[in-house]
Amino acid sequence: MGRPSSRHVAIDARVSAGSSNGTPSRVDLHAHTLRSDGLLTPAELVRAAADAGVRLLAITDHDTLAGYRELAKRPEAMPAAIELLPGVEINAMTGDDPRLADNELHVLGLGVDPANEAFEALLARQRAGRRVRFEKMIERLAGLGLDLREALERTAGPGHPGRPSEDHDALGRPTVGRALIAIGAVATVEEAFDRYLSRGRPGYVARKGIGPYEAIRAINAAGGLASLAHFWSAAERPDVITELIDAGLRGIEVHHLSFEPATVEAVGEVARRFRLVATAGTDYHGDLGTYAEAHARLDVPPALEAEVRAVLGR
């Protein structure tokens, strides 16, 4: 099975005629807005998802529930046909574990309690670490003659995470990549990663933050379902899966936009073997096309919606 990139920008954006089961996917439990490293506002994302046929959506911005909270305060922005879950994606650091080449695992927290103060405090610490890393990357690129400050202001409107005064947003490398495009240094976000922002490249700064066990336990304590995101090599690493289950992992993303059919089958077998809840998501960010185009390639069995709703008490 092929290995998809750990970066959203590498997801193939080809458009299919739709999901192979003949009906649009009714769930998307992994999508991003400009409150982290996506391009759409929360309101734009929910409208696009509803138009595509989604009925259960989780905004899973990195280390922040700001998008969900924004919509909770604006019920008029929510299409009547769609139910929005509070969600989050936590980039959990794994240190120098030789089994994990990227030194991190991504854990989705689905259905977490947005009023849980301990969980929000943890996310705030994660965002603070992101901000430090973001600033170091900007400084490092400036030392290479790539001044991005003006570009960040020009390409980010009020409240966009490109503006470093917005503490509730989660800053990430795609925002830096888009600024590099704005100054003409690269043509795409993927090129920005390849030339400057990936491990070993001149603008790279190592991430710091909590590990996967702490992330899983925090999600559980906040009343959520902890699901391992886009772990393409799950079938090859049952030892890792077992350890995560011992920490409280209850789900795994079986349907992800970057997964080939063979990968979906392999990860699905892991879910069945370990009795994990199968989750599904576009992991939509916006750099490679419209939400409708991404959604058309998300092939999710209709039964998955009922299973997820049952587990989350929806």
Protein backbone atom coordinates (compact mmCIF):
# COMPACT_ATOMS: atom_id res chain seq x y z
CA MET A 1 0.00 0.00 0.00
CA GLY A 2 1.21 3.49 -0.78
CA ARG A 3 2.15 5.87 1.98
CA PRO A 4 0.35 9.20 1.91
CA SER A 5 2.20 12.28 3.03
CA SER A 6 1.62 13.40 6.61
CA ARG A 7 0.93 16.88 5.20
CA HIS A 8 -2.50 17.87 3.96
CA VAL A 9 -1.03 19.52 0.88
CA ALA A 10 -0.04 16.15 -0.58
CA ILE A 11 -3.58 14.80 -0.74
CA ASP A 12 -4.54 13.99 -4.33
CA ALA A 13 -7.24 16.42 -5.42
CA ARG A 14 -8.57 14.49 -8.42
CA VAL A 15 -12.34 14.52 -8.60
CA SER A 16 -14.32 11.30 -8.90
CA ALA A 17 -17.94 10.89 -9.89
CA GLY A 18 -18.79 10.34 -6.26
CA SER A 19 -18.51 7.68 -3.60
CA SER A 20 -18.67 4.10 -4.82
CA ASN A 21 -21.65 3.26 -2.63
CA GLY A 22 -23.72 5.54 -4.86
CA THR A 23 -24.71 8.11 -2.26
CA PRO A 24 -22.89 11.15 -0.89
CA SER A 25 -21.10 10.59 2.41
CA ARG A 26 -23.28 11.84 5.25
CA VAL A 27 -20.37 12.26 7.67
CA ASP A 28 -17.13 14.19 7.75
CA LEU A 29 -15.36 13.93 11.09
CA HIS A 30 -12.10 15.60 10.09
CA ALA A 31 -12.04 19.06 8.49
CA HIS A 32 -10.21 22.34 9.08
CA THR A 33 -10.99 26.05 8.96
CA LEU A 34 -8.88 29.20 9.08
CA ARG A 35 -8.91 28.88 12.87
CA SER A 36 -5.93 26.60 12.33
CA ASP A 37 -4.47 25.81 8.90
CA GLY A 38 -7.53 25.74 6.66
CA LEU A 39 -8.72 28.43 4.26
CA LEU A 40 -12.50 28.58 4.85
CA THR A 41 -14.24 30.33 7.70
CA PRO A 42 -16.24 28.01 9.96
CA ALA A 43 -19.49 29.30 8.42
CA GLU A 44 -18.19 28.70 4.89
CA LEU A 45 -17.15 25.15 5.77
CA VAL A 46 -20.49 24.12 7.26
CA ARG A 47 -22.38 25.56 4.29
CA ALA A 48 -20.14 23.71 1.84
CA ALA A 49 -20.49 20.47 3.81
CA ALA A 50 -24.26 20.76 4.00
CA ASP A 51 -24.48 21.45 0.26
CA ALA A 52 -22.39 18.32 -0.37
CA GLY A 53 -24.79 16.14 1.62
CA VAL A 54 -22.97 15.93 4.96
CA ARG A 55 -25.30 15.60 7.94
CA LEU A 56 -22.76 15.05 10.74
CA LEU A 57 -19.70 17.31 10.65
CA ALA A 58 -16.80 17.78 13.05
CA ILE A 59 -14.57 20.82 12.72
CA THR A 60 -11.24 19.45 13.92
CA ASP A 61 -8.88 22.40 13.84
CA HIS A 62 -5.48 21.84 15.37
CA ASP A 63 -5.44 22.47 19.12
CA THR A 64 -8.47 24.78 19.13
CA LEU A 65 -12.24 24.70 19.45
CA ALA A 66 -12.53 28.32 18.28
CA GLY A 67 -14.35 27.40 15.05
CA TYR A 68 -16.98 25.39 16.88
CA ARG A 69 -17.47 28.11 19.48
CA GLU A 70 -17.82 30.75 16.77
CA LEU A 71 -20.70 28.85 15.19
CA ALA A 72 -22.30 28.03 18.54
CA LYS A 73 -22.67 31.80 19.02
CA ARG A 74 -24.14 32.21 15.51
CA PRO A 75 -26.97 29.69 15.13
CA GLU A 76 -28.17 31.58 12.06
CA ALA A 77 -24.96 30.46 10.28
CA MET A 78 -25.78 26.77 10.77
CA PRO A 79 -27.69 25.00 7.98
CA ALA A 80 -30.70 23.21 9.45
CA ALA A 81 -29.76 19.89 7.83
CA ILE A 82 -26.36 19.52 9.50
CA GLU A 83 -25.29 18.62 13.04
CA LEU A 84 -21.97 20.05 14.17
CA LEU A 85 -19.75 18.14 16.59
CA PRO A 86 -17.16 19.88 18.75
CA GLY A 87 -13.86 18.41 17.65
CA VAL A 88 -10.12 18.95 17.63
CA GLU A 89 -6.97 17.46 16.13
CA ILE A 90 -3.97 17.21 18.43
CA ASN A 91 -0.50 16.77 16.98
CA ALA A 92 1.03 14.49 19.62
CA MET A 93 4.81 14.12 19.82
CA THR A 94 6.33 10.63 20.02
CA GLY A 95 9.97 11.56 20.60
CA ASP A 96 12.57 9.40 18.91
CA ASP A 97 10.44 6.25 18.72
CA PRO A 98 12.05 4.35 15.80
CA ARG A 99 8.67 2.86 14.89
CA LEU A 100 7.27 6.26 13.92
CA ALA A 101 9.25 8.05 11.24
CA ASP A 102 7.43 11.40 11.58
CA ASN A 103 7.97 11.61 15.37
CA GLU A 104 4.30 12.40 15.91
CA LEU A 105 0.81 10.94 15.81
CA HIS A 106 -2.38 12.89 15.19
CA VAL A 107 -5.30 12.23 17.52
CA LEU A 108 -8.83 13.44 16.83
CA GLY A 109 -11.04 14.35 19.76
CA LEU A 110 -14.67 13.98 18.64
CA GLY A 111 -17.59 15.15 20.73
CA VAL A 112 -15.46 16.74 23.43
CA ASP A 113 -17.09 19.06 25.95
CA PRO A 114 -16.19 22.62 24.87
CA ALA A 115 -16.87 23.81 28.43
CA ASN A 116 -14.25 21.50 29.96
CA GLU A 117 -11.77 23.95 31.51
CA ALA A 118 -8.93 21.46 31.95
CA PHE A 119 -9.11 20.46 28.30
CA GLU A 120 -9.16 24.08 27.13
CA ALA A 121 -6.14 24.83 29.32
CA LEU A 122 -4.27 21.97 27.66
CA LEU A 123 -5.20 23.25 24.20
CA ALA A 124 -4.08 26.74 25.18
CA ARG A 125 -0.65 25.38 26.09
CA GLN A 126 -0.49 23.61 22.75
CA ARG A 127 -1.38 26.81 20.90
CA ALA A 128 1.26 28.76 22.84
CA GLY A 129 3.85 26.24 21.69
CA ARG A 130 2.63 26.61 18.14
CA ARG A 131 3.01 30.37 18.36
CA VAL A 132 6.61 30.08 19.56
CA ARG A 133 7.40 27.67 16.74
CA PHE A 134 5.65 29.91 14.20
CA GLU A 135 7.69 32.94 15.23
CA LYS A 136 10.94 30.97 15.09
CA MET A 137 10.14 29.82 11.56
CA ILE A 138 9.41 33.39 10.47
CA GLU A 139 12.72 34.53 12.00
CA ARG A 140 14.64 31.69 10.42
CA LEU A 141 13.22 32.43 6.98
CA ALA A 142 13.93 36.14 7.44
CA GLY A 143 17.56 35.17 8.00
CA LEU A 144 17.45 33.58 4.55
CA GLY A 145 16.23 36.83 3.03
CA LEU A 146 12.55 35.79 3.04
CA ASP A 147 10.69 38.46 5.03
CA LEU A 148 7.10 37.28 5.47
CA ARG A 149 5.70 39.84 7.90
CA GLU A 150 4.05 42.06 5.29
CA ALA A 151 2.81 39.05 3.34
CA LEU A 152 1.17 37.60 6.46
CA GLU A 153 -0.65 40.86 7.07
CA ARG A 154 -1.68 41.13 3.41
CA THR A 155 -2.95 37.58 3.04
CA ALA A 156 -4.70 37.28 6.43
CA GLY A 157 -7.85 39.19 7.25
CA PRO A 158 -8.92 40.15 10.78
CA GLY A 159 -9.15 37.08 12.96
CA HIS A 160 -7.14 34.92 10.56
CA PRO A 161 -4.35 32.86 12.16
CA GLY A 162 -1.81 34.66 10.02
CA ARG A 163 -2.21 37.53 12.45
CA PRO A 164 -0.05 36.63 15.47
CA SER A 165 -2.24 38.61 17.89
CA GLU A 166 -5.07 36.08 17.65
CA ASP A 167 -4.31 33.80 20.60
CA HIS A 168 -7.34 31.57 20.10
CA ASP A 169 -6.16 30.39 16.69
CA ALA A 170 -3.62 27.63 16.10
CA LEU A 171 -0.71 28.65 13.89
CA GLY A 172 0.92 26.15 11.56
CA ARG A 173 3.28 25.64 8.65
CA PRO A 174 0.65 25.92 5.88
CA THR A 175 0.12 29.57 6.86
CA VAL A 176 3.86 30.13 6.41
CA GLY A 177 3.72 28.28 3.09
CA ARG A 178 0.96 30.55 1.81
CA ALA A 179 2.99 33.61 2.78
CA LEU A 180 5.94 32.20 0.82
CA ILE A 181 3.62 31.93 -2.19
CA ALA A 182 2.54 35.55 -1.67
CA ILE A 183 6.13 36.84 -1.93
CA GLY A 184 6.85 34.69 -4.97
CA ALA A 185 9.33 32.36 -3.27
CA VAL A 186 7.36 29.23 -4.19
CA ALA A 187 4.39 28.34 -6.36
CA THR A 188 2.52 25.96 -4.04
CA VAL A 189 2.28 25.05 -0.37
CA GLU A 190 3.70 21.65 -1.25
CA GLU A 191 6.78 23.33 -2.74
CA ALA A 192 7.09 25.47 0.41
CA PHE A 193 7.26 22.31 2.50
CA ASP A 194 9.68 20.61 0.15
CA ARG A 195 12.09 23.57 -0.04
CA TYR A 196 11.79 25.23 3.35
CA LEU A 197 9.42 23.77 5.94
CA SER A 198 9.92 20.00 6.14
CA ARG A 199 12.26 18.28 8.57
CA GLY A 200 15.85 18.98 7.51
CA ARG A 201 14.93 22.04 5.42
CA PRO A 202 16.29 25.50 6.28
CA GLY A 203 13.04 26.92 7.69
CA TYR A 204 12.06 23.90 9.76
CA VAL A 205 11.63 24.21 13.52
CA ALA A 206 10.87 21.09 15.57
CA ARG A 207 7.45 20.92 17.17
CA LYS A 208 7.04 20.67 20.95
CA GLY A 209 3.98 19.53 22.84
CA ILE A 210 2.20 16.69 24.59
CA GLY A 211 2.50 13.02 23.69
CA PRO A 212 -0.25 10.72 22.36
CA TYR A 213 -1.06 9.11 25.72
CA GLU A 214 -1.66 12.49 27.34
CA ALA A 215 -3.72 13.63 24.34
CA ILE A 216 -5.92 10.52 24.45
CA ARG A 217 -6.48 10.73 28.19
CA ALA A 218 -7.33 14.43 27.97
CA ILE A 219 -9.88 13.79 25.21
CA ASN A 220 -11.48 11.01 27.23
CA ALA A 221 -11.60 13.20 30.33
CA ALA A 222 -13.39 15.85 28.26
CA GLY A 223 -16.04 13.31 27.30
CA GLY A 224 -14.83 12.80 23.74
CA LEU A 225 -13.95 9.90 21.46
CA ALA A 226 -10.19 9.66 20.81
CA SER A 227 -9.59 8.47 17.23
CA LEU A 228 -6.18 8.00 15.60
CA ALA A 229 -6.05 10.08 12.42
CA HIS A 230 -4.67 9.03 9.01
CA PHE A 231 -2.34 6.35 10.44
CA TRP A 232 -1.72 4.62 7.12
CA SER A 233 0.63 2.02 8.63
CA ALA A 234 -1.76 0.81 11.34
CA ALA A 235 -1.75 -2.78 10.05
CA GLU A 236 2.05 -2.84 10.25
CA ARG A 237 2.18 -1.45 13.80
CA PRO A 238 -0.20 -3.49 15.98
CA ASP A 239 2.16 -2.87 18.90
CA VAL A 240 1.57 0.87 18.62
CA ILE A 241 -2.19 0.36 18.36
CA THR A 242 -2.20 -1.85 21.47
CA GLU A 243 -0.28 0.73 23.47
CA LEU A 244 -2.65 3.49 22.41
CA ILE A 245 -5.68 1.37 23.32
CA ASP A 246 -4.18 0.84 26.77
CA ALA A 247 -4.08 4.65 27.07
CA GLY A 248 -7.76 4.90 26.11
CA LEU A 249 -7.88 5.06 22.29
CA ARG A 250 -11.38 4.11 21.09
CA GLY A 251 -11.37 4.93 17.39
CA ILE A 252 -9.29 4.98 14.23
CA GLU A 253 -9.76 6.88 10.98
CA VAL A 254 -10.51 4.18 8.41
CA HIS A 255 -11.74 6.45 5.61
CA HIS A 256 -9.36 9.30 4.78
CA LEU A 257 -9.10 11.17 1.50
CA SER A 258 -5.48 10.15 0.94
CA PHE A 259 -6.05 6.41 1.54
CA GLU A 260 -5.96 4.04 -1.39
CA PRO A 261 -8.62 1.26 -1.34
CA ALA A 262 -6.05 -1.25 -0.07
CA THR A 263 -5.17 1.08 2.81
CA VAL A 264 -8.83 1.53 3.72
CA GLU A 265 -9.25 -2.24 3.84
CA ALA A 266 -6.11 -2.75 5.93
CA VAL A 267 -6.95 -0.03 8.45
CA GLY A 268 -10.54 -1.24 8.53
CA GLU A 269 -9.33 -4.69 9.48
CA VAL A 270 -7.33 -3.13 12.33
CA ALA A 271 -10.52 -1.42 13.53
CA ARG A 272 -12.39 -4.73 13.48
CA ARG A 273 -9.57 -6.68 15.10
CA PHE A 274 -9.16 -4.25 17.98
CA ARG A 275 -12.85 -3.29 18.18
CA LEU A 276 -12.16 0.36 17.46
CA VAL A 277 -14.79 2.74 16.16
CA ALA A 278 -14.18 3.48 12.48
CA THR A 279 -14.21 7.22 11.71
CA ALA A 280 -14.03 9.07 8.41
CA GLY A 281 -13.02 12.50 7.17
CA THR A 282 -11.91 14.58 4.22
CA ASP A 283 -9.15 16.30 6.24
CA TYR A 284 -10.16 19.28 4.12
CA HIS A 285 -7.98 22.39 4.20
CA GLY A 286 -8.68 24.12 0.90
CA ASP A 287 -5.36 24.38 -0.92
CA LEU A 288 -6.17 21.79 -3.57
CA GLY A 289 -9.73 22.48 -4.57
CA THR A 290 -13.27 22.98 -3.32
CA TYR A 291 -14.91 21.13 -0.50
CA ALA A 292 -17.33 19.55 -2.96
CA GLU A 293 -14.41 18.11 -4.92
CA ALA A 294 -12.85 16.64 -1.79
CA HIS A 295 -16.15 15.29 -0.50
CA ALA A 296 -16.84 13.54 -3.82
CA ARG A 297 -13.84 11.32 -3.17
CA LEU A 298 -14.77 10.38 0.40
CA ASP A 299 -16.22 6.87 0.19
CA VAL A 300 -17.95 6.06 3.50
CA PRO A 301 -20.35 3.16 4.13
CA PRO A 302 -23.76 4.52 5.22
CA ALA A 303 -23.67 2.36 8.37
CA LEU A 304 -20.72 4.33 9.75
CA GLU A 305 -22.90 7.32 10.61
CA ALA A 306 -25.20 5.28 12.86
CA GLU A 307 -22.24 3.63 14.59
CA VAL A 308 -20.54 6.94 15.33
CA ARG A 309 -23.78 8.53 16.52
CA ALA A 310 -24.40 5.60 18.86
CA VAL A 311 -20.93 5.85 20.40
CA LEU A 312 -21.20 9.62 20.83
CA GLY A 313 -24.74 9.46 22.14
CA ARG A 314 -26.09 11.48 19.21
